[in-house]
């Protein structure tokens, strides 16, 4: 079962949530995500970025890396 731990805030115009299921914590981004995904894939060739787990329409799930919001 998935549940929202808390809503996070950024500057991308997306809705961002720290989520949890039975296995792990992860980030869920909704709305206005196409440019975010493009940037993450481009940066992945140069630096370590959070792993993208799933992309569906205007939503994606990615690895949560513990740290400051």
PDB file of N, CA and C in Angstrom:
ATOM      1  N   UNK A   1       0.840  -1.187   0.000  1.00  0.00           N
ATOM      2  CA  UNK A   1       0.000   0.000   0.000  1.00  0.00           C
ATOM      3  C   UNK A   1       0.880   1.244   0.000  1.00  0.00           C
ATOM      4  N   UNK A   2       0.557   2.178  -0.871  1.00  0.00           N
ATOM      5  CA  UNK A   2       1.321   3.419  -0.961  1.00  0.00           C
ATOM      6  C   UNK A   2       0.697   4.479  -0.060  1.00  0.00           C
ATOM      7  N   UNK A   3       1.572   5.298   0.530  1.00  0.00           N
ATOM      8  CA  UNK A   3       1.046   6.399   1.342  1.00  0.00           C
ATOM      9  C   UNK A   3       1.982   7.601   1.212  1.00  0.00           C
ATOM     10  N   UNK A   4       1.396   8.784   1.330  1.00  0.00           N
ATOM     11  CA  UNK A   4       2.154  10.030   1.298  1.00  0.00           C
ATOM     12  C   UNK A   4       2.752  10.258   2.675  1.00  0.00           C
ATOM     13  N   UNK A   5       4.063  10.465   2.728  1.00  0.00           N
ATOM     14  CA  UNK A   5       4.720  10.822   3.978  1.00  0.00           C
ATOM     15  C   UNK A   5       4.655  12.326   4.170  1.00  0.00           C
ATOM     16  N   UNK A   6       4.994  13.072   3.105  1.00  0.00           N
ATOM     17  CA  UNK A   6       4.847  14.525   3.152  1.00  0.00           C
ATOM     18  C   UNK A   6       4.973  15.114   1.762  1.00  0.00           C
ATOM     19  N   UNK A   7       4.419  16.295   1.583  1.00  0.00           N
ATOM     20  CA  UNK A   7       4.546  17.015   0.325  1.00  0.00           C
ATOM     21  C   UNK A   7       5.834  17.821   0.366  1.00  0.00           C
ATOM     22  N   UNK A   8       6.573  17.779  -0.736  1.00  0.00           N
ATOM     23  CA  UNK A   8       7.801  18.544  -0.852  1.00  0.00           C
ATOM     24  C   UNK A   8       7.562  19.717  -1.795  1.00  0.00           C
ATOM     25  N   UNK A   9       8.464  20.680  -1.794  1.00  0.00           N
ATOM     26  CA  UNK A   9       8.306  21.868  -2.627  1.00  0.00           C
ATOM     27  C   UNK A   9       9.574  22.087  -3.440  1.00  0.00           C
ATOM     28  N   UNK A  10       9.388  22.419  -4.704  1.00  0.00           N
ATOM     29  CA  UNK A  10      10.517  22.686  -5.588  1.00  0.00           C
ATOM     30  C   UNK A  10      10.200  23.870  -6.470  1.00  0.00           C
ATOM     31  N   UNK A  11      10.942  23.971  -7.563  1.00  0.00           N
ATOM     32  CA  UNK A  11      10.774  25.118  -8.465  1.00  0.00           C
ATOM     33  C   UNK A  11      10.403  24.693  -9.881  1.00  0.00           C
ATOM     34  N   UNK A  12       9.991  23.438 -10.061  1.00  0.00           N
ATOM     35  CA  UNK A  12       9.704  22.919 -11.395  1.00  0.00           C
ATOM     36  C   UNK A  12       8.256  23.095 -11.812  1.00  0.00           C
ATOM     37  N   UNK A  13       7.395  23.478 -10.884  1.00  0.00           N
ATOM     38  CA  UNK A  13       5.977  23.568 -11.196  1.00  0.00           C
ATOM     39  C   UNK A  13       5.258  22.237 -11.030  1.00  0.00           C
ATOM     40  N   UNK A  14       5.964  21.214 -10.589  1.00  0.00           N
ATOM     41  CA  UNK A  14       5.383  19.895 -10.368  1.00  0.00           C
ATOM     42  C   UNK A  14       4.894  19.770  -8.930  1.00  0.00           C
ATOM     43  N   UNK A  15       3.944  18.850  -8.733  1.00  0.00           N
ATOM     44  CA  UNK A  15       3.566  18.449  -7.375  1.00  0.00           C
ATOM     45  C   UNK A  15       4.524  17.332  -6.988  1.00  0.00           C
ATOM     46  N   UNK A  16       5.160  17.446  -5.822  1.00  0.00           N
ATOM     47  CA  UNK A  16       6.203  16.510  -5.427  1.00  0.00           C
ATOM     48  C   UNK A  16       5.855  15.934  -4.055  1.00  0.00           C
ATOM     49  N   UNK A  17       5.918  14.605  -3.955  1.00  0.00           N
ATOM     50  CA  UNK A  17       5.568  13.935  -2.707  1.00  0.00           C
ATOM     51  C   UNK A  17       6.632  12.911  -2.329  1.00  0.00           C
ATOM     52  N   UNK A  18       6.939  12.835  -1.048  1.00  0.00           N
ATOM     53  CA  UNK A  18       7.738  11.740  -0.519  1.00  0.00           C
ATOM     54  C   UNK A  18       6.740  10.647  -0.178  1.00  0.00           C
ATOM     55  N   UNK A  19       6.889   9.489  -0.826  1.00  0.00           N
ATOM     56  CA  UNK A  19       5.946   8.385  -0.698  1.00  0.00           C
ATOM     57  C   UNK A  19       6.625   7.191  -0.036  1.00  0.00           C
ATOM     58  N   UNK A  20       5.803   6.267   0.423  1.00  0.00           N
ATOM     59  CA  UNK A  20       6.315   5.031   1.005  1.00  0.00           C
ATOM     60  C   UNK A  20       5.381   3.893   0.628  1.00  0.00           C
ATOM     61  N   UNK A  21       5.960   2.740   0.301  1.00  0.00           N
ATOM     62  CA  UNK A  21       5.176   1.525   0.129  1.00  0.00           C
ATOM     63  C   UNK A  21       5.782   0.454   1.025  1.00  0.00           C
ATOM     64  N   UNK A  22       5.412  -0.789   0.848  1.00  0.00           N
ATOM     65  CA  UNK A  22       5.906  -1.861   1.714  1.00  0.00           C
ATOM     66  C   UNK A  22       7.407  -2.084   1.588  1.00  0.00           C
ATOM     67  N   UNK A  23       8.010  -1.651   0.479  1.00  0.00           N
ATOM     68  CA  UNK A  23       9.411  -1.938   0.208  1.00  0.00           C
ATOM     69  C   UNK A  23      10.355  -0.764   0.426  1.00  0.00           C
ATOM     70  N   UNK A  24       9.909   0.454   0.140  1.00  0.00           N
ATOM     71  CA  UNK A  24      10.846   1.569   0.126  1.00  0.00           C
ATOM     72  C   UNK A  24      10.148   2.921   0.178  1.00  0.00           C
ATOM     73  N   UNK A  25      10.958   3.956   0.342  1.00  0.00           N
ATOM     74  CA  UNK A  25      10.514   5.336   0.177  1.00  0.00           C
ATOM     75  C   UNK A  25      10.940   5.773  -1.213  1.00  0.00           C
ATOM     76  N   UNK A  26      10.152   6.649  -1.837  1.00  0.00           N
ATOM     77  CA  UNK A  26      10.477   7.154  -3.168  1.00  0.00           C
ATOM     78  C   UNK A  26       9.811   8.516  -3.364  1.00  0.00           C
ATOM     79  N   UNK A  27      10.206   9.196  -4.424  1.00  0.00           N
ATOM     80  CA  UNK A  27       9.636  10.496  -4.772  1.00  0.00           C
ATOM     81  C   UNK A  27       8.642  10.311  -5.914  1.00  0.00           C
ATOM     82  N   UNK A  28       7.493  10.941  -5.791  1.00  0.00           N
ATOM     83  CA  UNK A  28       6.477  10.950  -6.838  1.00  0.00           C
ATOM     84  C   UNK A  28       6.337  12.386  -7.318  1.00  0.00           C
ATOM     85  N   UNK A  29       6.565  12.586  -8.630  1.00  0.00           N
ATOM     86  CA  UNK A  29       6.367  13.925  -9.215  1.00  0.00           C
ATOM     87  C   UNK A  29       5.211  13.848 -10.193  1.00  0.00           C
ATOM     88  N   UNK A  30       4.310  14.823 -10.096  1.00  0.00           N
ATOM     89  CA  UNK A  30       3.138  14.884 -10.961  1.00  0.00           C
ATOM     90  C   UNK A  30       3.045  16.253 -11.609  1.00  0.00           C
ATOM     91  N   UNK A  31       2.583  16.262 -12.848  1.00  0.00           N
ATOM     92  CA  UNK A  31       2.328  17.491 -13.610  1.00  0.00           C
ATOM     93  C   UNK A  31       3.629  18.164 -14.041  1.00  0.00           C
ATOM     94  N   UNK A  32       3.678  18.558 -15.302  1.00  0.00           N
ATOM     95  CA  UNK A  32       4.804  19.325 -15.826  1.00  0.00           C
ATOM     96  C   UNK A  32       6.139  18.582 -15.655  1.00  0.00           C
ATOM     97  N   UNK A  33       6.160  17.269 -15.927  1.00  0.00           N
ATOM     98  CA  UNK A  33       7.358  16.484 -15.640  1.00  0.00           C
ATOM     99  C   UNK A  33       8.223  16.158 -16.862  1.00  0.00           C
ATOM    100  N   UNK A  34       7.744  16.397 -18.070  1.00  0.00           N
ATOM    101  CA  UNK A  34       8.502  16.018 -19.267  1.00  0.00           C
ATOM    102  C   UNK A  34       9.901  16.637 -19.278  1.00  0.00           C
ATOM    103  N   UNK A  35      10.025  17.910 -18.971  1.00  0.00           N
ATOM    104  CA  UNK A  35      11.347  18.556 -18.984  1.00  0.00           C
ATOM    105  C   UNK A  35      12.218  18.045 -17.838  1.00  0.00           C
ATOM    106  N   UNK A  36      11.609  17.690 -16.705  1.00  0.00           N
ATOM    107  CA  UNK A  36      12.366  17.116 -15.587  1.00  0.00           C
ATOM    108  C   UNK A  36      13.007  15.793 -15.991  1.00  0.00           C
ATOM    109  N   UNK A  37      12.245  14.957 -16.658  1.00  0.00           N
ATOM    110  CA  UNK A  37      12.746  13.650 -17.088  1.00  0.00           C
ATOM    111  C   UNK A  37      13.874  13.825 -18.098  1.00  0.00           C
ATOM    112  N   UNK A  38      13.695  14.720 -19.063  1.00  0.00           N
ATOM    113  CA  UNK A  38      14.746  14.985 -20.063  1.00  0.00           C
ATOM    114  C   UNK A  38      16.047  15.404 -19.385  1.00  0.00           C
ATOM    115  N   UNK A  39      15.962  16.316 -18.433  1.00  0.00           N
ATOM    116  CA  UNK A  39      17.160  16.792 -17.725  1.00  0.00           C
ATOM    117  C   UNK A  39      17.829  15.678 -16.930  1.00  0.00           C
ATOM    118  N   UNK A  40      17.042  14.856 -16.253  1.00  0.00           N
ATOM    119  CA  UNK A  40      17.615  13.760 -15.474  1.00  0.00           C
ATOM    120  C   UNK A  40      18.354  12.769 -16.369  1.00  0.00           C
ATOM    121  N   UNK A  41      17.759  12.415 -17.505  1.00  0.00           N
ATOM    122  CA  UNK A  41      18.430  11.498 -18.428  1.00  0.00           C
ATOM    123  C   UNK A  41      19.711  12.114 -18.985  1.00  0.00           C
ATOM    124  N   UNK A  42      19.699  13.397 -19.305  1.00  0.00           N
ATOM    125  CA  UNK A  42      20.898  14.065 -19.823  1.00  0.00           C
ATOM    126  C   UNK A  42      21.989  14.136 -18.755  1.00  0.00           C
ATOM    127  N   UNK A  43      21.618  14.479 -17.542  1.00  0.00           N
ATOM    128  CA  UNK A  43      22.600  14.563 -16.454  1.00  0.00           C
ATOM    129  C   UNK A  43      23.177  13.204 -16.079  1.00  0.00           C
ATOM    130  N   UNK A  44      22.401  12.137 -16.258  1.00  0.00           N
ATOM    131  CA  UNK A  44      22.848  10.798 -15.882  1.00  0.00           C
ATOM    132  C   UNK A  44      24.100  10.373 -16.646  1.00  0.00           C
ATOM    133  N   UNK A  45      24.334  10.956 -17.797  1.00  0.00           N
ATOM    134  CA  UNK A  45      25.529  10.639 -18.571  1.00  0.00           C
ATOM    135  C   UNK A  45      26.773  11.295 -17.973  1.00  0.00           C
ATOM    136  N   UNK A  46      26.573  12.275 -17.083  1.00  0.00           N
ATOM    137  CA  UNK A  46      27.694  13.058 -16.549  1.00  0.00           C
ATOM    138  C   UNK A  46      27.889  12.839 -15.047  1.00  0.00           C
ATOM    139  N   UNK A  47      26.799  12.814 -14.299  1.00  0.00           N
ATOM    140  CA  UNK A  47      26.861  12.708 -12.831  1.00  0.00           C
ATOM    141  C   UNK A  47      25.846  11.675 -12.341  1.00  0.00           C
ATOM    142  N   UNK A  48      25.961  11.295 -11.084  1.00  0.00           N
ATOM    143  CA  UNK A  48      24.971  10.401 -10.481  1.00  0.00           C
ATOM    144  C   UNK A  48      23.696  11.179 -10.197  1.00  0.00           C
ATOM    145  N   UNK A  49      22.584  10.632 -10.616  1.00  0.00           N
ATOM    146  CA  UNK A  49      21.267  11.229 -10.374  1.00  0.00           C
ATOM    147  C   UNK A  49      20.357  10.155  -9.780  1.00  0.00           C
ATOM    148  N   UNK A  50      19.260  10.552  -9.154  1.00  0.00           N
ATOM    149  CA  UNK A  50      18.328   9.545  -8.646  1.00  0.00           C
ATOM    150  C   UNK A  50      17.814   8.652  -9.776  1.00  0.00           C
ATOM    151  N   UNK A  51      17.677   7.376  -9.488  1.00  0.00           N
ATOM    152  CA  UNK A  51      17.175   6.419 -10.469  1.00  0.00           C
ATOM    153  C   UNK A  51      15.688   6.646 -10.704  1.00  0.00           C
ATOM    154  N   UNK A  52      15.260   6.633 -11.951  1.00  0.00           N
ATOM    155  CA  UNK A  52      13.843   6.748 -12.282  1.00  0.00           C
ATOM    156  C   UNK A  52      13.266   5.344 -12.301  1.00  0.00           C
ATOM    157  N   UNK A  53      12.234   5.104 -11.494  1.00  0.00           N
ATOM    158  CA  UNK A  53      11.620   3.787 -11.387  1.00  0.00           C
ATOM    159  C   UNK A  53      10.503   3.565 -12.390  1.00  0.00           C
ATOM    160  N   UNK A  54       9.694   4.596 -12.632  1.00  0.00           N
ATOM    161  CA  UNK A  54       8.509   4.413 -13.465  1.00  0.00           C
ATOM    162  C   UNK A  54       8.084   5.759 -14.041  1.00  0.00           C
ATOM    163  N   UNK A  55       7.696   5.753 -15.306  1.00  0.00           N
ATOM    164  CA  UNK A  55       7.168   6.955 -15.964  1.00  0.00           C
ATOM    165  C   UNK A  55       5.815   6.589 -16.555  1.00  0.00           C
ATOM    166  N   UNK A  56       4.796   7.381 -16.243  1.00  0.00           N
ATOM    167  CA  UNK A  56       3.455   7.127 -16.762  1.00  0.00           C
ATOM    168  C   UNK A  56       2.760   8.465 -17.004  1.00  0.00           C
ATOM    169  N   UNK A  57       2.482   8.757 -18.270  1.00  0.00           N
ATOM    170  CA  UNK A  57       1.833  10.011 -18.645  1.00  0.00           C
ATOM    171  C   UNK A  57       2.580  11.210 -18.055  1.00  0.00           C
ATOM    172  N   UNK A  58       1.943  11.951 -17.178  1.00  0.00           N
ATOM    173  CA  UNK A  58       2.544  13.163 -16.613  1.00  0.00           C
ATOM    174  C   UNK A  58       2.950  12.949 -15.155  1.00  0.00           C
ATOM    175  N   UNK A  59       3.429  11.728 -14.848  1.00  0.00           N
ATOM    176  CA  UNK A  59       3.833  11.355 -13.495  1.00  0.00           C
ATOM    177  C   UNK A  59       5.066  10.460 -13.572  1.00  0.00           C
ATOM    178  N   UNK A  60       5.979  10.613 -12.641  1.00  0.00           N
ATOM    179  CA  UNK A  60       7.044   9.625 -12.537  1.00  0.00           C
ATOM    180  C   UNK A  60       7.471   9.414 -11.100  1.00  0.00           C
ATOM    181  N   UNK A  61       8.015   8.211 -10.865  1.00  0.00           N
ATOM    182  CA  UNK A  61       8.526   7.828  -9.556  1.00  0.00           C
ATOM    183  C   UNK A  61      10.033   7.711  -9.666  1.00  0.00           C
ATOM    184  N   UNK A  62      10.737   8.236  -8.667  1.00  0.00           N
ATOM    185  CA  UNK A  62      12.192   8.147  -8.690  1.00  0.00           C
ATOM    186  C   UNK A  62      12.742   7.871  -7.303  1.00  0.00           C
ATOM    187  N   UNK A  63      13.984   7.471  -7.288  1.00  0.00           N
ATOM    188  CA  UNK A  63      14.679   7.124  -6.063  1.00  0.00           C
ATOM    189  C   UNK A  63      14.665   8.286  -5.081  1.00  0.00           C
ATOM    190  N   UNK A  64      14.464   7.951  -3.823  1.00  0.00           N
ATOM    191  CA  UNK A  64      14.560   8.937  -2.743  1.00  0.00           C
ATOM    192  C   UNK A  64      15.951   8.822  -2.137  1.00  0.00           C
ATOM    193  N   UNK A  65      16.662   9.931  -2.089  1.00  0.00           N
ATOM    194  CA  UNK A  65      17.979   9.988  -1.466  1.00  0.00           C
ATOM    195  C   UNK A  65      17.835  10.832  -0.212  1.00  0.00           C
ATOM    196  N   UNK A  66      18.070  10.210   0.929  1.00  0.00           N
ATOM    197  CA  UNK A  66      17.876  10.883   2.206  1.00  0.00           C
ATOM    198  C   UNK A  66      18.789  12.103   2.315  1.00  0.00           C
ATOM    199  N   UNK A  67      18.238  13.204   2.765  1.00  0.00           N
ATOM    200  CA  UNK A  67      18.993  14.429   2.976  1.00  0.00           C
ATOM    201  C   UNK A  67      18.041  15.551   3.338  1.00  0.00           C
ATOM    202  N   UNK A  68      18.519  16.761   3.220  1.00  0.00           N
ATOM    203  CA  UNK A  68      17.683  17.928   3.506  1.00  0.00           C
ATOM    204  C   UNK A  68      16.724  18.157   2.352  1.00  0.00           C
ATOM    205  N   UNK A  69      15.536  18.663   2.659  1.00  0.00           N
ATOM    206  CA  UNK A  69      14.563  19.004   1.605  1.00  0.00           C
ATOM    207  C   UNK A  69      15.118  20.116   0.756  1.00  0.00           C
TER     208      UNK A  69
END
